[in-house]
Amino acid sequence: MRVDYRSVTRHRRGILAAAAAVALMLSGCSPSAPGGAGGATVVSSPDAAVVQGTPKALATYYSQKVTWTSCEKTFQCATIKVPVDYSHPKASSIALAVIRLGSTGSKIGSLLVNPGGPGASGYDMVRDGATKIFSKTMRRSYDIVGFDPRGVKRSAPVACISDAARDKERQQSYNLDDNAELAQDEAQNRSDIAQCLKHSGPDLGFIDTESSARDMDILRAAVNDTKLNYMGFSYGTKLGATYAGLFPHKVGKFSLDGALDPSLSIEDISMGQAKGFEQEIHAWAADCLAHPKCPVSGTPEEAVQQIRDLNASYVDNPKQTQQGRLLTAGEFNNALAVAMYSTDLWDPLKSALTDAFAGDSSSMLALADYSADRDPNGTYSSNTAFAFNAVNCLDYPMTTDVAAMRADEKKLESISPTFGKTLSYSGLTCKDWPFKPVDKPHKISAEGAAPILVVGTTRDPATPYSWAVALSNQLSSGVLLTWNGDGHTAYGRSNACITKAVDSYFVDGKVPADGTTC
């Protein structure tokens, strides 16, 4: 995601990545599940069946002994080595941080999970949200396993600029329609990229989705499962689909929730999200108008226009907040966008907008800070923004021609007057990236895979429902499950119908009828 009036994906997560943090915030941060750690160190080696068919060059990775130690009060943790470069696996390795919550009943296997991003922490998802997101039925039957993918937080993290520099950049505003300001933005971007290369080194060229998918097969062996059971959300659906395409016969139970269509270009993704976020801000407005103390009035369209007008007032006059920091038009838009991920954030947005219309932008800045993973003390709790760029610049060839980007901007604004400018100029982030893309958009069929559940939400702003339909059709064994609802992703935040359908699939092996709607 790009915020209007300047290039920003270098210092924030982007529109897809916000989902993971939203899920964690809403799930709470005090897990109290029984089982799991037991206070002991557990050393295990994958058995022969688990590593069967492994290429000789990767044998040491698949057969490595894994030491699980008690951590985070009720969990077990381990570090698992994977090669930096799968074409030269003996050259160098990195360590992935892994955490698991032990099953509370009769164990079927392990369930590997990824919250999205790219760049979000699966370790944090399990530590902070496992007992809220995953049902008791799932936790009885599976060890819930989270990991930080390569480049993320604890796993050879991509490092770029300091927290103070991130704060400073978020206070800047560039009008990218002006050539002089565009040049300033590009210069700042080049400076940031140089810092990424300086602090992250050559590993920065291997933070791509296919490499992470190959890592997941080593993780499968590390937990001693002959087939991988997996639940991916948002970008995690692309990661899961990529795994299925590479290892179709090792697919166990798979749920891909909030699906990203892997055949879409970045430009296509921006167009789809423009439509999705515009639809959702109107849904928010309709809900707000139906309740007392709504800060906007009239029809939903009139209400949204009032918000646009307020945002426009920040373009030339960023507002100083009670914290002494500025809220720019771009960060105002970030606050709007993050609230579209879950209806649980609709009331906080209502309150923040009420204050903003009254002249106090502090609560809008707090939402923008949350979107950027900034804690109140001024530290940034993740490197999601940096990893997001590293992955996307390797996964997608992007349009960097200024005329083409400006033409796309006009299309985006026509689709979404509220968020269109936010989603424009995506190619700037990768224009001067030091590593060329190693992949390109393509369809994934995963011929030979067991049934794969694709879960779509009808009014999902970040991964529009049509993408779930497309992915389920691409996958040779895809099964579409639909939640008629608002917000991003479904399992863990929707209704009992979705929970029962997904749980029955994983625990009892009951595949729902294709096209089931909850």
Protein backbone atom coordinates (compact mmCIF):
# COMPACT_ATOMS: atom_id res chain seq x y z
CA MET A 1 0.00 0.00 0.00
CA ARG A 2 1.17 3.51 -0.70
CA VAL A 3 -0.07 6.54 1.13
CA ASP A 4 -1.04 9.54 -0.93
CA TYR A 5 1.35 12.41 -1.53
CA ARG A 6 4.53 10.42 -0.91
CA SER A 7 6.23 7.09 -1.28
CA VAL A 8 5.79 5.25 1.99
CA THR A 9 6.03 1.49 1.71
CA ARG A 10 9.66 1.75 2.77
CA HIS A 11 8.53 2.72 6.27
CA ARG A 12 5.19 0.98 6.75
CA ARG A 13 3.77 -2.42 6.15
CA GLY A 14 1.61 -1.96 3.08
CA ILE A 15 -2.03 -2.74 2.68
CA LEU A 16 -1.85 -6.54 2.81
CA ALA A 17 0.40 -6.78 5.80
CA ALA A 18 -1.85 -4.89 8.18
CA ALA A 19 -4.09 -7.92 8.65
CA ALA A 20 -1.71 -9.79 10.91
CA ALA A 21 -1.33 -6.99 13.40
CA VAL A 22 -5.08 -6.39 13.43
CA ALA A 23 -5.66 -10.04 14.30
CA LEU A 24 -3.13 -9.86 17.12
CA MET A 25 -4.54 -6.64 18.57
CA LEU A 26 -8.05 -8.02 18.57
CA SER A 27 -7.02 -11.37 20.03
CA GLY A 28 -5.36 -9.94 23.12
CA CYS A 29 -1.85 -10.60 24.40
CA SER A 30 -2.15 -12.99 27.36
CA PRO A 31 -2.29 -16.61 26.20
CA SER A 32 -3.18 -19.08 28.92
CA ALA A 33 -3.36 -22.40 27.13
CA PRO A 34 -2.44 -25.57 28.98
CA GLY A 35 0.18 -27.99 27.75
CA GLY A 36 3.02 -27.32 25.35
CA ALA A 37 6.24 -26.58 27.17
CA GLY A 38 6.43 -28.85 30.16
CA GLY A 39 9.66 -27.17 31.23
CA ALA A 40 11.84 -29.68 29.36
CA THR A 41 14.21 -29.55 26.43
CA VAL A 42 13.05 -31.83 23.64
CA VAL A 43 15.51 -32.96 20.99
CA SER A 44 14.08 -34.66 17.94
CA SER A 45 15.27 -35.76 14.53
CA PRO A 46 12.98 -36.30 11.55
CA ASP A 47 12.41 -39.96 10.82
CA ALA A 48 13.11 -41.64 7.49
CA ALA A 49 9.56 -41.33 6.17
CA VAL A 50 9.59 -37.60 6.78
CA VAL A 51 12.81 -36.99 4.81
CA GLN A 52 12.18 -39.54 2.05
CA GLY A 53 12.89 -38.17 -1.42
CA THR A 54 15.00 -35.26 -0.14
CA PRO A 55 17.66 -34.00 -2.57
CA LYS A 56 21.14 -34.97 -1.34
CA ALA A 57 22.29 -31.35 -1.25
CA LEU A 58 19.52 -30.59 1.29
CA ALA A 59 19.81 -33.75 3.37
CA THR A 60 21.58 -32.09 6.29
CA TYR A 61 18.77 -29.54 6.59
CA TYR A 62 15.99 -32.13 6.48
CA SER A 63 17.68 -34.45 8.97
CA GLN A 64 18.88 -31.79 11.44
CA LYS A 65 18.25 -32.38 15.11
CA VAL A 66 15.81 -29.85 16.51
CA THR A 67 16.06 -28.70 20.13
CA TRP A 68 12.76 -27.49 21.58
CA THR A 69 13.05 -25.54 24.82
CA SER A 70 10.48 -24.05 27.17
CA CYS A 71 9.75 -20.41 26.30
CA GLU A 72 7.16 -17.66 26.64
CA LYS A 73 5.67 -19.39 29.73
CA THR A 74 3.50 -22.01 28.00
CA PHE A 75 5.26 -22.59 24.69
CA GLN A 76 8.22 -24.38 23.15
CA CYS A 77 10.71 -22.65 20.86
CA ALA A 78 13.39 -23.75 18.45
CA THR A 79 15.63 -22.40 15.71
CA ILE A 80 15.75 -24.34 12.47
CA LYS A 81 18.42 -23.87 9.82
CA VAL A 82 17.57 -23.39 6.15
CA PRO A 83 19.84 -22.51 3.21
CA VAL A 84 20.04 -18.89 2.15
CA ASP A 85 20.17 -19.89 -1.53
CA TYR A 86 18.47 -23.13 -2.53
CA SER A 87 20.52 -23.30 -5.72
CA HIS A 88 23.69 -23.36 -3.57
CA PRO A 89 22.47 -24.85 -0.27
CA LYS A 90 25.91 -25.54 1.17
CA ALA A 91 27.10 -21.95 0.78
CA SER A 92 25.42 -20.39 3.83
CA SER A 93 22.39 -20.78 6.08
CA ILE A 94 20.04 -18.74 8.23
CA ALA A 95 18.09 -19.71 11.34
CA LEU A 96 14.30 -19.47 11.45
CA ALA A 97 12.63 -18.74 14.79
CA VAL A 98 9.83 -21.22 15.50
CA ILE A 99 7.31 -21.45 18.34
CA ARG A 100 4.65 -24.04 19.12
CA LEU A 101 1.74 -24.48 21.47
CA GLY A 102 1.31 -28.16 22.25
CA SER A 103 -1.98 -29.90 21.57
CA THR A 104 -4.26 -30.32 24.58
CA GLY A 105 -5.70 -33.67 23.51
CA SER A 106 -5.17 -36.50 21.07
CA LYS A 107 -2.69 -35.07 18.59
CA ILE A 108 -3.26 -35.44 14.85
CA GLY A 109 -0.16 -33.51 13.84
CA SER A 110 1.26 -30.00 13.65
CA LEU A 111 -0.48 -27.00 12.11
CA LEU A 112 1.91 -24.45 10.63
CA VAL A 113 0.41 -20.95 10.45
CA ASN A 114 1.29 -17.70 8.72
CA PRO A 115 -0.55 -14.40 9.40
CA GLY A 116 0.32 -12.64 6.16
CA GLY A 117 2.27 -9.58 5.19
CA PRO A 118 4.52 -10.26 3.55
CA GLY A 119 6.62 -9.54 6.60
CA ALA A 120 4.32 -10.38 9.51
CA SER A 121 5.49 -12.57 12.38
CA GLY A 122 3.97 -16.03 12.74
CA TYR A 123 5.87 -16.37 16.02
CA ASP A 124 3.96 -13.38 17.43
CA MET A 125 0.69 -14.67 16.02
CA VAL A 126 1.00 -17.93 17.96
CA ARG A 127 2.45 -16.42 21.12
CA ASP A 128 -0.07 -13.59 21.37
CA GLY A 129 -3.15 -15.00 19.71
CA ALA A 130 -3.18 -18.79 19.47
CA THR A 131 -5.75 -19.28 22.21
CA LYS A 132 -8.03 -16.61 20.72
CA ILE A 133 -7.72 -17.26 16.99
CA PHE A 134 -7.73 -21.07 16.99
CA SER A 135 -10.67 -22.95 18.45
CA LYS A 136 -10.42 -25.43 21.34
CA THR A 137 -11.20 -28.16 18.84
CA MET A 138 -8.17 -27.23 16.75
CA ARG A 139 -5.91 -26.87 19.77
CA ARG A 140 -6.93 -30.29 21.08
CA SER A 141 -5.92 -31.92 17.82
CA TYR A 142 -2.88 -29.98 16.62
CA ASP A 143 0.31 -28.44 17.88
CA ILE A 144 -0.07 -24.85 16.67
CA VAL A 145 3.27 -23.85 15.13
CA GLY A 146 4.26 -20.32 14.15
CA PHE A 147 7.46 -19.09 12.55
CA ASP A 148 9.07 -15.89 11.41
CA PRO A 149 9.72 -16.34 7.68
CA ARG A 150 13.15 -15.44 6.38
CA GLY A 151 13.70 -11.69 6.63
CA VAL A 152 11.10 -11.24 9.38
CA LYS A 153 11.77 -10.04 12.93
CA ARG A 154 13.73 -12.95 14.49
CA SER A 155 14.77 -14.81 11.31
CA ALA A 156 17.68 -12.94 9.68
CA PRO A 157 15.50 -9.80 9.71
CA VAL A 158 15.69 -7.17 7.01
CA ALA A 159 17.04 -4.03 8.68
CA CYS A 160 16.98 -0.57 7.14
CA ILE A 161 16.53 2.80 8.88
CA SER A 162 16.28 3.69 12.57
CA ASP A 163 13.06 4.23 14.49
CA ALA A 164 13.80 7.95 14.68
CA ALA A 165 14.25 8.07 10.91
CA ARG A 166 10.97 6.22 10.42
CA ASP A 167 9.21 8.79 12.60
CA LYS A 168 10.78 11.61 10.59
CA GLU A 169 9.76 10.12 7.24
CA ARG A 170 6.19 9.60 8.36
CA GLN A 171 6.01 13.35 9.03
CA GLN A 172 7.08 14.21 5.49
CA SER A 173 4.69 14.83 2.62
CA TYR A 174 5.58 14.71 -1.07
CA ASN A 175 3.18 15.43 -3.88
CA LEU A 176 4.20 12.75 -6.35
CA ASP A 177 2.31 14.49 -9.15
CA ASP A 178 4.92 17.25 -8.98
CA ASN A 179 8.18 16.34 -10.74
CA ALA A 180 10.43 18.15 -8.27
CA GLU A 181 8.81 16.51 -5.25
CA LEU A 182 8.82 13.16 -7.02
CA ALA A 183 12.60 13.53 -7.44
CA GLN A 184 12.94 14.29 -3.71
CA ASP A 185 10.94 11.19 -2.88
CA GLU A 186 13.06 9.03 -5.17
CA ALA A 187 16.25 10.38 -3.60
CA GLN A 188 14.94 9.55 -0.12
CA ASN A 189 13.99 6.08 -1.33
CA ARG A 190 17.48 5.47 -2.72
CA SER A 191 18.99 6.54 0.59
CA ASP A 192 16.74 4.14 2.49
CA ILE A 193 17.54 1.27 0.14
CA ALA A 194 21.27 1.88 0.67
CA GLN A 195 20.68 1.51 4.40
CA CYS A 196 18.76 -1.74 3.83
CA LEU A 197 21.67 -3.15 1.85
CA LYS A 198 24.20 -1.92 4.40
CA HIS A 199 22.41 -3.47 7.38
CA SER A 200 20.96 -6.61 5.75
CA GLY A 201 23.71 -7.64 3.34
CA PRO A 202 23.39 -10.11 0.46
CA ASP A 203 20.67 -12.13 2.22
CA LEU A 204 18.37 -9.32 1.05
CA GLY A 205 18.35 -10.95 -2.38
CA PHE A 206 16.77 -14.17 -1.10
CA ILE A 207 13.71 -12.93 0.83
CA ASP A 208 11.32 -14.20 -1.84
CA THR A 209 8.14 -16.24 -1.50
CA GLU A 210 9.42 -19.37 -3.24
CA SER A 211 12.41 -19.57 -0.91
CA SER A 212 10.08 -19.21 2.10
CA ALA A 213 7.81 -21.93 0.71
CA ARG A 214 10.80 -24.25 0.41
CA ASP A 215 11.68 -23.37 4.02
CA MET A 216 8.23 -24.63 5.03
CA ASP A 217 9.05 -28.11 3.76
CA ILE A 218 12.10 -28.20 6.03
CA LEU A 219 9.82 -27.04 8.87
CA ARG A 220 7.46 -29.91 7.99
CA ALA A 221 10.33 -32.32 8.49
CA ALA A 222 11.40 -30.58 11.69
CA VAL A 223 8.02 -31.28 13.32
CA ASN A 224 8.08 -34.87 12.02
CA ASP A 225 5.03 -34.68 9.75
CA THR A 226 5.02 -36.59 6.46
CA LYS A 227 2.59 -34.00 5.04
CA LEU A 228 2.26 -30.32 5.84
CA ASN A 229 -0.87 -29.05 7.56
CA TYR A 230 -1.11 -25.32 7.06
CA MET A 231 -3.32 -22.31 7.68
CA GLY A 232 -2.35 -19.11 5.89
CA PHE A 233 -4.04 -15.72 6.04
CA SER A 234 -3.82 -12.90 3.47
CA TYR A 235 -0.33 -13.03 1.88
CA GLY A 236 0.02 -16.34 3.72
CA THR A 237 -2.37 -17.75 1.11
CA LYS A 238 0.14 -16.97 -1.64
CA LEU A 239 2.87 -18.58 0.46
CA GLY A 240 0.70 -21.67 0.96
CA ALA A 241 -0.33 -21.88 -2.68
CA THR A 242 3.33 -21.60 -3.69
CA TYR A 243 4.18 -24.51 -1.38
CA ALA A 244 1.34 -26.55 -2.87
CA GLY A 245 2.64 -25.86 -6.36
CA LEU A 246 6.15 -26.97 -5.40
CA PHE A 247 5.18 -29.96 -3.22
CA PRO A 248 1.64 -31.02 -4.21
CA HIS A 249 2.01 -34.56 -2.84
CA LYS A 250 3.09 -33.22 0.56
CA VAL A 251 -0.07 -31.17 1.05
CA GLY A 252 -2.05 -32.35 4.07
CA LYS A 253 -4.89 -30.12 5.31
CA PHE A 254 -4.60 -26.60 3.88
CA SER A 255 -6.72 -23.51 4.56
CA LEU A 256 -5.98 -20.36 2.54
CA ASP A 257 -8.01 -17.56 4.13
CA GLY A 258 -8.30 -14.08 2.61
CA ALA A 259 -6.88 -15.31 -0.67
CA LEU A 260 -4.39 -13.47 -2.83
CA ASP A 261 -4.64 -14.41 -6.50
CA PRO A 262 -1.03 -15.32 -7.46
CA SER A 263 -1.67 -14.57 -11.13
CA LEU A 264 -2.22 -10.84 -10.53
CA SER A 265 0.36 -8.13 -11.11
CA ILE A 266 1.02 -5.48 -8.47
CA GLU A 267 -0.94 -3.05 -10.63
CA ASP A 268 -3.89 -5.48 -10.77
CA ILE A 269 -3.71 -5.93 -7.00
CA SER A 270 -3.85 -2.17 -6.49
CA MET A 271 -6.93 -1.91 -8.71
CA GLY A 272 -8.71 -4.68 -6.80
CA GLN A 273 -7.87 -3.17 -3.43
CA ALA A 274 -9.00 0.27 -4.55
CA LYS A 275 -12.43 -1.15 -5.25
CA GLY A 276 -12.45 -3.20 -2.04
CA PHE A 277 -11.46 -0.40 0.32
CA GLU A 278 -13.87 2.05 -1.29
CA GLN A 279 -16.68 -0.46 -0.84
CA GLU A 280 -15.75 -0.97 2.80
CA ILE A 281 -15.49 2.72 3.77
CA HIS A 282 -19.02 3.12 2.43
CA ALA A 283 -20.12 0.09 4.49
CA TRP A 284 -18.53 1.73 7.54
CA ALA A 285 -20.35 5.00 6.79
CA ALA A 286 -23.72 3.25 6.44
CA ASP A 287 -23.18 1.52 9.79
CA CYS A 288 -22.06 4.75 11.46
CA LEU A 289 -25.08 6.67 10.17
CA ALA A 290 -27.40 4.01 11.57
CA HIS A 291 -26.13 4.65 15.11
CA PRO A 292 -26.08 7.70 17.38
CA LYS A 293 -23.21 10.17 17.64
CA CYS A 294 -21.89 9.54 14.15
CA PRO A 295 -19.45 12.34 13.19
CA VAL A 296 -20.67 12.40 9.56
CA SER A 297 -24.14 12.92 8.11
CA GLY A 298 -26.39 12.51 5.09
CA THR A 299 -26.14 9.52 2.76
CA PRO A 300 -23.16 7.13 2.93
CA GLU A 301 -21.68 8.83 -0.15
CA GLU A 302 -22.10 12.28 1.43
CA ALA A 303 -20.58 10.99 4.67
CA VAL A 304 -17.53 9.57 2.89
CA GLN A 305 -17.10 12.84 0.99
CA GLN A 306 -16.99 14.69 4.32
CA ILE A 307 -14.14 12.43 5.37
CA ARG A 308 -12.33 13.03 2.07
CA ASP A 309 -12.72 16.79 2.55
CA LEU A 310 -11.27 16.56 6.06
CA ASN A 311 -8.36 14.50 4.75
CA ALA A 312 -7.74 17.05 1.98
CA SER A 313 -7.33 19.76 4.59
CA TYR A 314 -4.24 17.92 5.86
CA VAL A 315 -2.45 18.04 2.50
CA ASP A 316 -0.99 21.53 2.91
CA ASN A 317 -1.58 21.79 6.66
CA PRO A 318 -0.62 18.66 8.62
CA LYS A 319 -2.14 18.86 12.08
CA GLN A 320 -0.08 18.83 15.25
CA THR A 321 -1.36 16.32 17.79
CA GLN A 322 -1.26 16.24 21.57
CA GLN A 323 1.91 14.14 21.29
CA GLY A 324 3.62 17.04 19.52
CA ARG A 325 3.88 15.07 16.29
CA LEU A 326 2.25 15.88 12.96
CA LEU A 327 -0.53 13.94 11.29
CA THR A 328 -0.16 14.21 7.52
CA ALA A 329 -2.80 13.49 4.91
CA GLY A 330 -1.04 10.23 4.16
CA GLU A 331 -1.07 9.06 7.77
CA PHE A 332 -4.73 10.13 8.06
CA ASN A 333 -5.41 7.80 5.13
CA ASN A 334 -3.45 5.01 6.83
CA ALA A 335 -5.70 5.36 9.86
CA LEU A 336 -8.79 5.06 7.67
CA ALA A 337 -7.40 2.02 5.87
CA VAL A 338 -6.38 0.00 8.92
CA ALA A 339 -9.88 0.40 10.41
CA MET A 340 -11.35 -1.32 7.36
CA TYR A 341 -9.71 -4.64 8.29
CA SER A 342 -12.17 -5.51 11.05
CA THR A 343 -15.57 -4.31 12.21
CA ASP A 344 -14.07 -4.32 15.72
CA LEU A 345 -12.14 -1.23 14.60
CA TRP A 346 -15.18 0.62 13.27
CA ASP A 347 -16.08 2.19 16.63
CA PRO A 348 -12.48 3.32 17.32
CA LEU A 349 -12.47 4.99 13.90
CA LYS A 350 -15.81 6.65 14.68
CA SER A 351 -14.36 8.06 17.89
CA ALA A 352 -11.12 9.14 16.23
CA LEU A 353 -12.97 10.93 13.43
CA THR A 354 -15.24 12.65 15.95
CA ASP A 355 -12.12 14.10 17.59
CA ALA A 356 -10.55 14.96 14.23
CA PHE A 357 -13.60 16.90 13.05
CA ALA A 358 -13.39 18.79 16.37
CA GLY A 359 -9.74 19.65 15.69
CA ASP A 360 -7.91 16.95 17.67
CA SER A 361 -6.09 14.45 15.44
CA SER A 362 -4.38 12.49 18.22
CA SER A 363 -6.59 9.40 17.96
CA MET A 364 -6.21 9.28 14.18
CA LEU A 365 -2.44 9.35 14.69
CA ALA A 366 -2.78 6.52 17.20
CA LEU A 367 -4.53 4.40 14.55
CA ALA A 368 -1.85 5.30 12.02
CA ASP A 369 0.84 4.36 14.57
CA TYR A 370 -0.85 1.03 15.11
CA SER A 371 -0.83 0.47 11.37
CA ALA A 372 2.91 1.21 11.33
CA ASP A 373 3.67 -1.01 14.38
CA ARG A 374 4.79 2.00 16.42
CA ASP A 375 4.50 1.69 20.18
CA PRO A 376 3.56 4.75 22.29
CA ASN A 377 7.17 4.97 23.54
CA GLY A 378 8.41 5.62 20.01
CA THR A 379 9.81 2.20 19.19
CA TYR A 380 8.65 0.13 16.22
CA SER A 381 7.81 -3.41 17.28
CA SER A 382 8.41 -5.06 13.92
CA ASN A 383 10.37 -4.83 10.70
CA THR A 384 7.28 -5.68 8.66
CA ALA A 385 7.61 -2.59 6.46
CA PHE A 386 11.15 -3.49 5.46
CA ALA A 387 10.42 -7.18 4.87
CA PHE A 388 7.29 -6.24 2.90
CA ASN A 389 9.41 -4.32 0.41
CA ALA A 390 12.10 -6.99 0.18
CA VAL A 391 9.58 -9.73 -0.66
CA ASN A 392 7.50 -7.73 -3.12
CA CYS A 393 10.51 -6.37 -4.99
CA LEU A 394 11.68 -9.96 -5.55
CA ASP A 395 8.24 -11.42 -6.29
CA TYR A 396 6.88 -8.85 -8.73
CA PRO A 397 8.23 -7.02 -11.76
CA MET A 398 6.77 -3.52 -11.39
CA THR A 399 5.99 -0.61 -13.66
CA THR A 400 8.45 2.19 -12.87
CA ASP A 401 7.74 4.49 -15.82
CA VAL A 402 6.40 7.75 -14.39
CA ALA A 403 3.87 8.33 -17.18
CA ALA A 404 2.49 4.81 -16.74
CA MET A 405 2.27 5.22 -12.96
CA ARG A 406 0.43 8.51 -13.35
CA ALA A 407 -2.01 6.92 -15.79
CA ASP A 408 -2.62 4.16 -13.23
CA GLU A 409 -3.13 6.82 -10.56
CA LYS A 410 -6.01 8.30 -12.55
CA LYS A 411 -7.62 4.87 -12.92
CA LEU A 412 -7.22 4.18 -9.21
CA GLU A 413 -8.76 7.52 -8.23
CA SER A 414 -11.72 6.88 -10.51
CA ILE A 415 -12.27 3.52 -8.80
CA SER A 416 -11.62 4.86 -5.31
CA PRO A 417 -11.73 8.63 -4.69
CA THR A 418 -10.88 7.89 -1.04
CA PHE A 419 -7.96 5.46 -1.35
CA GLY A 420 -6.94 5.54 -5.03
CA LYS A 421 -4.06 7.97 -4.63
CA THR A 422 -2.90 5.93 -1.65
CA LEU A 423 -2.47 2.90 -3.88
CA SER A 424 -0.65 4.64 -6.73
CA TYR A 425 3.06 4.81 -7.60
CA SER A 426 3.73 1.30 -6.29
CA GLY A 427 6.70 0.85 -8.62
CA LEU A 428 8.73 3.61 -6.95
CA THR A 429 9.63 1.42 -3.99
CA CYS A 430 11.38 -1.15 -6.18
CA LYS A 431 12.70 1.15 -8.89
CA ASP A 432 16.19 1.25 -7.36
CA TRP A 433 16.07 -2.06 -5.47
CA PRO A 434 19.51 -3.72 -5.71
CA PHE A 435 18.15 -7.16 -6.66
CA LYS A 436 16.04 -8.00 -9.67
CA PRO A 437 12.74 -9.94 -9.35
CA VAL A 438 13.17 -13.71 -9.23
CA ASP A 439 9.51 -14.49 -9.90
CA LYS A 440 6.49 -13.12 -11.71
CA PRO A 441 2.72 -13.52 -11.33
CA HIS A 442 1.44 -16.89 -12.49
CA LYS A 443 -1.42 -19.29 -11.92
CA ILE A 444 -0.92 -22.21 -9.54
CA SER A 445 -2.76 -25.50 -10.07
CA ALA A 446 -0.91 -27.85 -7.66
CA GLU A 447 -1.97 -30.95 -9.59
CA GLY A 448 -2.10 -33.98 -7.32
CA ALA A 449 -2.64 -32.09 -4.06
CA ALA A 450 -5.27 -33.15 -1.53
CA PRO A 451 -8.33 -30.86 -1.23
CA ILE A 452 -7.31 -27.30 -0.38
CA LEU A 453 -9.79 -25.04 1.39
CA VAL A 454 -9.93 -21.46 0.04
CA VAL A 455 -11.83 -19.11 2.37
CA GLY A 456 -13.17 -15.81 1.05
CA THR A 457 -15.02 -12.92 2.72
CA THR A 458 -17.56 -11.19 0.49
CA ARG A 459 -16.62 -7.63 1.52
CA ASP A 460 -12.93 -8.15 2.20
CA PRO A 461 -11.16 -4.86 1.36
CA ALA A 462 -7.56 -6.07 1.22
CA THR A 463 -8.07 -9.36 -0.63
CA PRO A 464 -11.33 -8.97 -2.56
CA TYR A 465 -13.65 -11.95 -2.68
CA SER A 466 -13.10 -12.39 -6.42
CA TRP A 467 -9.50 -13.37 -5.66
CA ALA A 468 -10.67 -16.28 -3.49
CA VAL A 469 -12.91 -17.43 -6.32
CA ALA A 470 -10.00 -17.17 -8.76
CA LEU A 471 -7.58 -19.10 -6.52
CA SER A 472 -10.08 -21.87 -5.81
CA ASN A 473 -10.59 -22.24 -9.56
CA GLN A 474 -6.85 -22.27 -10.28
CA LEU A 475 -6.08 -24.98 -7.73
CA SER A 476 -6.92 -28.38 -9.15
CA SER A 477 -8.26 -29.43 -5.73
CA GLY A 478 -9.52 -26.04 -4.56
CA VAL A 479 -12.71 -25.89 -2.50
CA LEU A 480 -14.33 -22.48 -1.95
CA LEU A 481 -15.81 -21.59 1.44
CA THR A 482 -17.47 -18.16 1.71
CA TRP A 483 -18.25 -15.91 4.64
CA ASN A 484 -20.82 -13.21 3.86
CA GLY A 485 -19.27 -10.49 5.97
CA ASP A 486 -17.04 -7.43 6.33
CA GLY A 487 -13.35 -7.10 7.01
CA HIS A 488 -10.25 -9.07 6.14
CA THR A 489 -10.12 -12.90 6.50
CA ALA A 490 -12.67 -15.09 8.24
CA TYR A 491 -11.43 -17.85 10.55
CA GLY A 492 -11.08 -16.65 14.14
CA ARG A 493 -13.20 -13.52 13.60
CA SER A 494 -16.37 -14.44 11.69
CA ASN A 495 -19.02 -16.88 12.92
CA ALA A 496 -19.66 -20.40 14.19
CA CYS A 497 -20.48 -21.64 10.70
CA ILE A 498 -16.98 -20.84 9.40
CA THR A 499 -15.33 -22.22 12.53
CA LYS A 500 -17.25 -25.49 12.30
CA ALA A 501 -16.54 -25.94 8.59
CA VAL A 502 -12.80 -25.30 8.95
CA ASP A 503 -12.47 -27.36 12.15
CA SER A 504 -14.35 -30.31 10.65
CA TYR A 505 -12.06 -30.22 7.63
CA PHE A 506 -8.88 -30.26 9.73
CA VAL A 507 -9.99 -32.57 12.53
CA ASP A 508 -12.49 -34.96 10.94
CA GLY A 509 -11.38 -34.76 7.31
CA LYS A 510 -14.82 -33.54 6.20
CA VAL A 511 -14.34 -31.36 3.14
CA PRO A 512 -17.18 -28.84 2.83
CA ALA A 513 -19.12 -28.76 -0.41
CA ASP A 514 -17.51 -26.42 -2.92
CA GLY A 515 -19.35 -23.08 -2.79
CA THR A 516 -20.57 -23.41 0.81
CA THR A 517 -21.62 -20.01 2.19
CA CYS A 518 -21.81 -19.01 5.86
